[in-house]
C-alpha atoms as a PDB file:
ATOM      1  CA  UNK A   1      -2.975   1.906  -0.317  1.00  0.00           C
ATOM      2  CA  UNK A   2      -6.465   3.427  -0.236  1.00  0.00           C
ATOM      3  CA  UNK A   3      -9.135   1.111  -1.621  1.00  0.00           C
ATOM      4  CA  UNK A   4     -12.453   2.056  -3.254  1.00  0.00           C
ATOM      5  CA  UNK A   5     -15.180  -0.442  -4.115  1.00  0.00           C
ATOM      6  CA  UNK A   6     -18.044   0.454  -6.465  1.00  0.00           C
ATOM      7  CA  UNK A   7     -21.184  -1.640  -5.939  1.00  0.00           C
ATOM      8  CA  UNK A   8     -24.320  -2.161  -8.025  1.00  0.00           C
ATOM      9  CA  UNK A   9     -26.746  -5.064  -8.365  1.00  0.00           C
ATOM     10  CA  UNK A  10     -25.209  -7.396 -10.943  1.00  0.00           C
ATOM     11  CA  UNK A  11     -21.738  -5.895 -11.437  1.00  0.00           C
ATOM     12  CA  UNK A  12     -22.090  -5.744 -15.217  1.00  0.00           C
ATOM     13  CA  UNK A  13     -23.309  -2.192 -15.975  1.00  0.00           C
ATOM     14  CA  UNK A  14     -22.803   0.635 -13.497  1.00  0.00           C
ATOM     15  CA  UNK A  15     -20.082  -0.520 -11.113  1.00  0.00           C
ATOM     16  CA  UNK A  16     -17.588  -1.800 -13.723  1.00  0.00           C
ATOM     17  CA  UNK A  17     -18.096   1.438 -15.663  1.00  0.00           C
ATOM     18  CA  UNK A  18     -17.431   3.461 -12.484  1.00  0.00           C
ATOM     19  CA  UNK A  19     -14.321   1.343 -11.875  1.00  0.00           C
ATOM     20  CA  UNK A  20     -13.050   2.047 -15.402  1.00  0.00           C
ATOM     21  CA  UNK A  21     -13.710   5.793 -15.093  1.00  0.00           C
ATOM     22  CA  UNK A  22     -12.034   5.951 -11.687  1.00  0.00           C
ATOM     23  CA  UNK A  23      -8.997   3.974 -12.893  1.00  0.00           C
ATOM     24  CA  UNK A  24      -8.554   6.423 -15.762  1.00  0.00           C
ATOM     25  CA  UNK A  25      -8.765   9.374 -13.359  1.00  0.00           C
ATOM     26  CA  UNK A  26      -6.210   7.727 -11.075  1.00  0.00           C
ATOM     27  CA  UNK A  27      -3.796   7.278 -13.989  1.00  0.00           C
ATOM     28  CA  UNK A  28      -4.328  10.840 -15.227  1.00  0.00           C
ATOM     29  CA  UNK A  29      -3.501  12.133 -11.738  1.00  0.00           C
ATOM     30  CA  UNK A  30      -0.628   9.687 -11.170  1.00  0.00           C
ATOM     31  CA  UNK A  31      -2.425   8.250  -8.137  1.00  0.00           C
ATOM     32  CA  UNK A  32      -2.700   4.606  -9.235  1.00  0.00           C
ATOM     33  CA  UNK A  33       0.015   3.635  -6.723  1.00  0.00           C
ATOM     34  CA  UNK A  34      -1.785   5.282  -3.818  1.00  0.00           C
ATOM     35  CA  UNK A  35      -5.421   4.451  -4.582  1.00  0.00           C
ATOM     36  CA  UNK A  36      -6.895   1.280  -6.007  1.00  0.00           C
ATOM     37  CA  UNK A  37     -10.449   0.409  -6.980  1.00  0.00           C
ATOM     38  CA  UNK A  38     -12.610  -2.574  -7.774  1.00  0.00           C
ATOM     39  CA  UNK A  39     -16.289  -3.278  -8.293  1.00  0.00           C
ATOM     40  CA  UNK A  40     -18.798  -5.877  -7.146  1.00  0.00           C
ATOM     41  CA  UNK A  41     -22.487  -6.682  -7.179  1.00  0.00           C
ATOM     42  CA  UNK A  42     -24.836  -7.338  -4.307  1.00  0.00           C
ATOM     43  CA  UNK A  43     -26.381 -10.245  -6.250  1.00  0.00           C
ATOM     44  CA  UNK A  44     -24.851 -13.421  -7.625  1.00  0.00           C
ATOM     45  CA  UNK A  45     -26.517 -13.061 -11.043  1.00  0.00           C
ATOM     46  CA  UNK A  46     -23.405 -12.463 -13.142  1.00  0.00           C
ATOM     47  CA  UNK A  47     -20.430 -13.925 -11.276  1.00  0.00           C
ATOM     48  CA  UNK A  48     -17.541 -14.495 -13.698  1.00  0.00           C
ATOM     49  CA  UNK A  49     -19.253 -12.714 -16.602  1.00  0.00           C
ATOM     50  CA  UNK A  50     -17.901  -9.834 -18.645  1.00  0.00           C
ATOM     51  CA  UNK A  51     -19.703  -6.484 -18.329  1.00  0.00           C
ATOM     52  CA  UNK A  52     -22.760  -5.743 -20.449  1.00  0.00           C
ATOM     53  CA  UNK A  53     -21.742  -4.996 -24.038  1.00  0.00           C
ATOM     54  CA  UNK A  54     -23.383  -1.586 -23.824  1.00  0.00           C
ATOM     55  CA  UNK A  55     -21.140  -0.688 -20.857  1.00  0.00           C
ATOM     56  CA  UNK A  56     -18.140  -1.893 -22.842  1.00  0.00           C
ATOM     57  CA  UNK A  57     -19.270   0.185 -25.847  1.00  0.00           C
ATOM     58  CA  UNK A  58     -19.789   3.408 -23.874  1.00  0.00           C
ATOM     59  CA  UNK A  59     -16.433   2.835 -22.192  1.00  0.00           C
ATOM     60  CA  UNK A  60     -14.684   2.436 -25.551  1.00  0.00           C
ATOM     61  CA  UNK A  61     -16.343   5.595 -26.877  1.00  0.00           C
ATOM     62  CA  UNK A  62     -14.846   7.448 -23.900  1.00  0.00           C
ATOM     63  CA  UNK A  63     -11.374   5.889 -24.107  1.00  0.00           C
ATOM     64  CA  UNK A  64     -11.933   3.749 -21.033  1.00  0.00           C
ATOM     65  CA  UNK A  65     -10.795   0.183 -20.509  1.00  0.00           C
ATOM     66  CA  UNK A  66     -13.094  -2.221 -18.701  1.00  0.00           C
ATOM     67  CA  UNK A  67     -11.066  -5.191 -17.530  1.00  0.00           C
ATOM     68  CA  UNK A  68     -13.379  -6.863 -15.056  1.00  0.00           C
ATOM     69  CA  UNK A  69     -15.377 -10.024 -14.506  1.00  0.00           C
ATOM     70  CA  UNK A  70     -18.518  -9.886 -12.381  1.00  0.00           C
ATOM     71  CA  UNK A  71     -18.199 -10.815  -8.736  1.00  0.00           C
ATOM     72  CA  UNK A  72     -20.382 -10.654  -5.657  1.00  0.00           C
ATOM     73  CA  UNK A  73     -19.735  -8.437  -2.651  1.00  0.00           C
ATOM     74  CA  UNK A  74     -18.373 -10.411   0.312  1.00  0.00           C
ATOM     75  CA  UNK A  75     -17.837  -9.802   4.021  1.00  0.00           C
ATOM     76  CA  UNK A  76     -14.078  -9.685   3.303  1.00  0.00           C
ATOM     77  CA  UNK A  77     -14.589  -6.544   1.204  1.00  0.00           C
ATOM     78  CA  UNK A  78     -15.468  -4.615   4.350  1.00  0.00           C
ATOM     79  CA  UNK A  79     -12.113  -5.329   5.950  1.00  0.00           C
ATOM     80  CA  UNK A  80      -9.957  -4.080   3.078  1.00  0.00           C
ATOM     81  CA  UNK A  81     -12.069  -1.388   1.376  1.00  0.00           C
ATOM     82  CA  UNK A  82     -11.777   2.154   2.676  1.00  0.00           C
ATOM     83  CA  UNK A  83     -14.692   3.490   0.620  1.00  0.00           C
ATOM     84  CA  UNK A  84     -17.710   1.462  -0.466  1.00  0.00           C
ATOM     85  CA  UNK A  85     -19.753   3.323  -3.055  1.00  0.00           C
ATOM     86  CA  UNK A  86     -23.302   2.120  -3.796  1.00  0.00           C
ATOM     87  CA  UNK A  87     -25.008   3.053  -7.054  1.00  0.00           C
ATOM     88  CA  UNK A  88     -28.489   3.280  -5.544  1.00  0.00           C
ATOM     89  CA  UNK A  89     -30.407   3.105  -2.268  1.00  0.00           C
ATOM     90  CA  UNK A  90     -31.459  -0.520  -2.731  1.00  0.00           C
ATOM     91  CA  UNK A  91     -27.854  -1.633  -3.104  1.00  0.00           C
ATOM     92  CA  UNK A  92     -26.813   0.561  -0.181  1.00  0.00           C
ATOM     93  CA  UNK A  93     -29.434  -1.229   1.974  1.00  0.00           C
ATOM     94  CA  UNK A  94     -28.167  -4.625   0.786  1.00  0.00           C
ATOM     95  CA  UNK A  95     -24.592  -3.612   1.630  1.00  0.00           C
ATOM     96  CA  UNK A  96     -25.657  -2.566   5.125  1.00  0.00           C
ATOM     97  CA  UNK A  97     -27.638  -5.831   5.609  1.00  0.00           C
ATOM     98  CA  UNK A  98     -24.534  -7.836   4.715  1.00  0.00           C
ATOM     99  CA  UNK A  99     -22.571  -5.781   7.220  1.00  0.00           C
ATOM    100  CA  UNK A 100     -24.949  -6.837   9.998  1.00  0.00           C
ATOM    101  CA  UNK A 101     -23.660  -5.326  13.211  1.00  0.00           C
ATOM    102  CA  UNK A 102     -20.207  -4.604  11.789  1.00  0.00           C
ATOM    103  CA  UNK A 103     -19.309  -0.955  11.369  1.00  0.00           C
ATOM    104  CA  UNK A 104     -17.976   0.624   8.202  1.00  0.00           C
ATOM    105  CA  UNK A 105     -17.975   4.389   8.234  1.00  0.00           C
ATOM    106  CA  UNK A 106     -17.338   5.036   4.552  1.00  0.00           C
ATOM    107  CA  UNK A 107     -20.404   3.685   2.746  1.00  0.00           C
ATOM    108  CA  UNK A 108     -21.815   6.288   0.391  1.00  0.00           C
ATOM    109  CA  UNK A 109     -24.249   6.650  -2.461  1.00  0.00           C
ATOM    110  CA  UNK A 110     -22.316   7.420  -5.656  1.00  0.00           C
ATOM    111  CA  UNK A 111     -24.315  10.537  -6.384  1.00  0.00           C
ATOM    112  CA  UNK A 112     -23.387  12.049  -3.033  1.00  0.00           C
ATOM    113  CA  UNK A 113     -20.329  13.166  -5.015  1.00  0.00           C
ATOM    114  CA  UNK A 114     -22.303  14.444  -8.035  1.00  0.00           C
ATOM    115  CA  UNK A 115     -22.684  18.193  -8.602  1.00  0.00           C
ATOM    116  CA  UNK A 116     -26.156  17.335  -9.955  1.00  0.00           C
ATOM    117  CA  UNK A 117     -27.349  14.696  -7.464  1.00  0.00           C
ATOM    118  CA  UNK A 118     -30.992  14.567  -8.577  1.00  0.00           C
ATOM    119  CA  UNK A 119     -32.683  11.798  -6.576  1.00  0.00           C
ATOM    120  CA  UNK A 120     -29.314  10.562  -5.315  1.00  0.00           C
ATOM    121  CA  UNK A 121     -29.248   7.389  -7.385  1.00  0.00           C
ATOM    122  CA  UNK A 122     -27.466   6.162 -10.489  1.00  0.00           C
ATOM    123  CA  UNK A 123     -30.289   4.465 -12.436  1.00  0.00           C
ATOM    124  CA  UNK A 124     -29.759   0.918 -13.630  1.00  0.00           C
ATOM    125  CA  UNK A 125     -29.402   1.180 -17.427  1.00  0.00           C
ATOM    126  CA  UNK A 126     -29.792  -2.578 -17.979  1.00  0.00           C
ATOM    127  CA  UNK A 127     -33.322  -2.249 -19.381  1.00  0.00           C
ATOM    128  CA  UNK A 128     -32.636   0.939 -21.343  1.00  0.00           C
ATOM    129  CA  UNK A 129     -31.256   1.767 -24.763  1.00  0.00           C
ATOM    130  CA  UNK A 130     -27.838   3.295 -25.419  1.00  0.00           C
ATOM    131  CA  UNK A 131     -28.942   6.723 -24.169  1.00  0.00           C
ATOM    132  CA  UNK A 132     -29.410   5.239 -20.684  1.00  0.00           C
ATOM    133  CA  UNK A 133     -25.770   4.167 -20.683  1.00  0.00           C
ATOM    134  CA  UNK A 134     -24.676   7.622 -21.866  1.00  0.00           C
ATOM    135  CA  UNK A 135     -26.624   9.220 -19.013  1.00  0.00           C
ATOM    136  CA  UNK A 136     -25.083   6.802 -16.497  1.00  0.00           C
ATOM    137  CA  UNK A 137     -21.579   7.421 -17.857  1.00  0.00           C
ATOM    138  CA  UNK A 138     -22.001  11.173 -17.423  1.00  0.00           C
ATOM    139  CA  UNK A 139     -23.291  10.794 -13.843  1.00  0.00           C
ATOM    140  CA  UNK A 140     -20.444   8.442 -12.978  1.00  0.00           C
ATOM    141  CA  UNK A 141     -17.816  10.722 -14.503  1.00  0.00           C
ATOM    142  CA  UNK A 142     -18.974  13.743 -12.492  1.00  0.00           C
ATOM    143  CA  UNK A 143     -19.270  11.669  -9.338  1.00  0.00           C
ATOM    144  CA  UNK A 144     -15.900   9.943  -9.755  1.00  0.00           C
ATOM    145  CA  UNK A 145     -14.121  13.261 -10.253  1.00  0.00           C
ATOM    146  CA  UNK A 146     -15.571  14.618  -7.025  1.00  0.00           C
ATOM    147  CA  UNK A 147     -14.998  11.362  -5.151  1.00  0.00           C
ATOM    148  CA  UNK A 148     -11.330  11.528  -6.135  1.00  0.00           C
ATOM    149  CA  UNK A 149     -11.113  15.143  -4.933  1.00  0.00           C
ATOM    150  CA  UNK A 150     -12.661  14.067  -1.624  1.00  0.00           C
ATOM    151  CA  UNK A 151     -10.181  11.221  -1.162  1.00  0.00           C
ATOM    152  CA  UNK A 152      -7.233  13.471  -2.047  1.00  0.00           C
ATOM    153  CA  UNK A 153      -8.424  16.022   0.491  1.00  0.00           C
ATOM    154  CA  UNK A 154      -9.204  13.506   3.247  1.00  0.00           C
ATOM    155  CA  UNK A 155      -5.894  11.692   2.865  1.00  0.00           C
ATOM    156  CA  UNK A 156      -3.705  14.708   2.020  1.00  0.00           C
ATOM    157  CA  UNK A 157      -2.529  13.190  -1.277  1.00  0.00           C
ATOM    158  CA  UNK A 158      -0.760  14.667  -4.272  1.00  0.00           C
END
């Protein structure tokens, strides 16, 4: 089983939305038995909490199911996750700090997989209105589609 972990700061906005989008894409492509995904935060701010209501709302508007409670990234994640996908450069740095001297070759910024990468980061919509969550959803959808294509190609799936 190939494992993907989406990581943001608090694990209540971006990463659970990416997880929901990716799970839907896996189901649509009948790959849910070959690839699994999860999400986590680099901080401990929202452990055990449901995602932000605005993430839940944008998910519902796009026929996505968010079934996740916030959790913090741990050292154990590095041993069982094949792909670790950071939402922004700050979280990527925090992931690499947690890694210390350990090596993990598949740590990427989410927007590396976006056809429109802009500055390479998925902005944190926490302090924005609904339009910020719409923008983030669209970035994540494009990126998740291309991430899935990359995984299929790299692992010779489907």
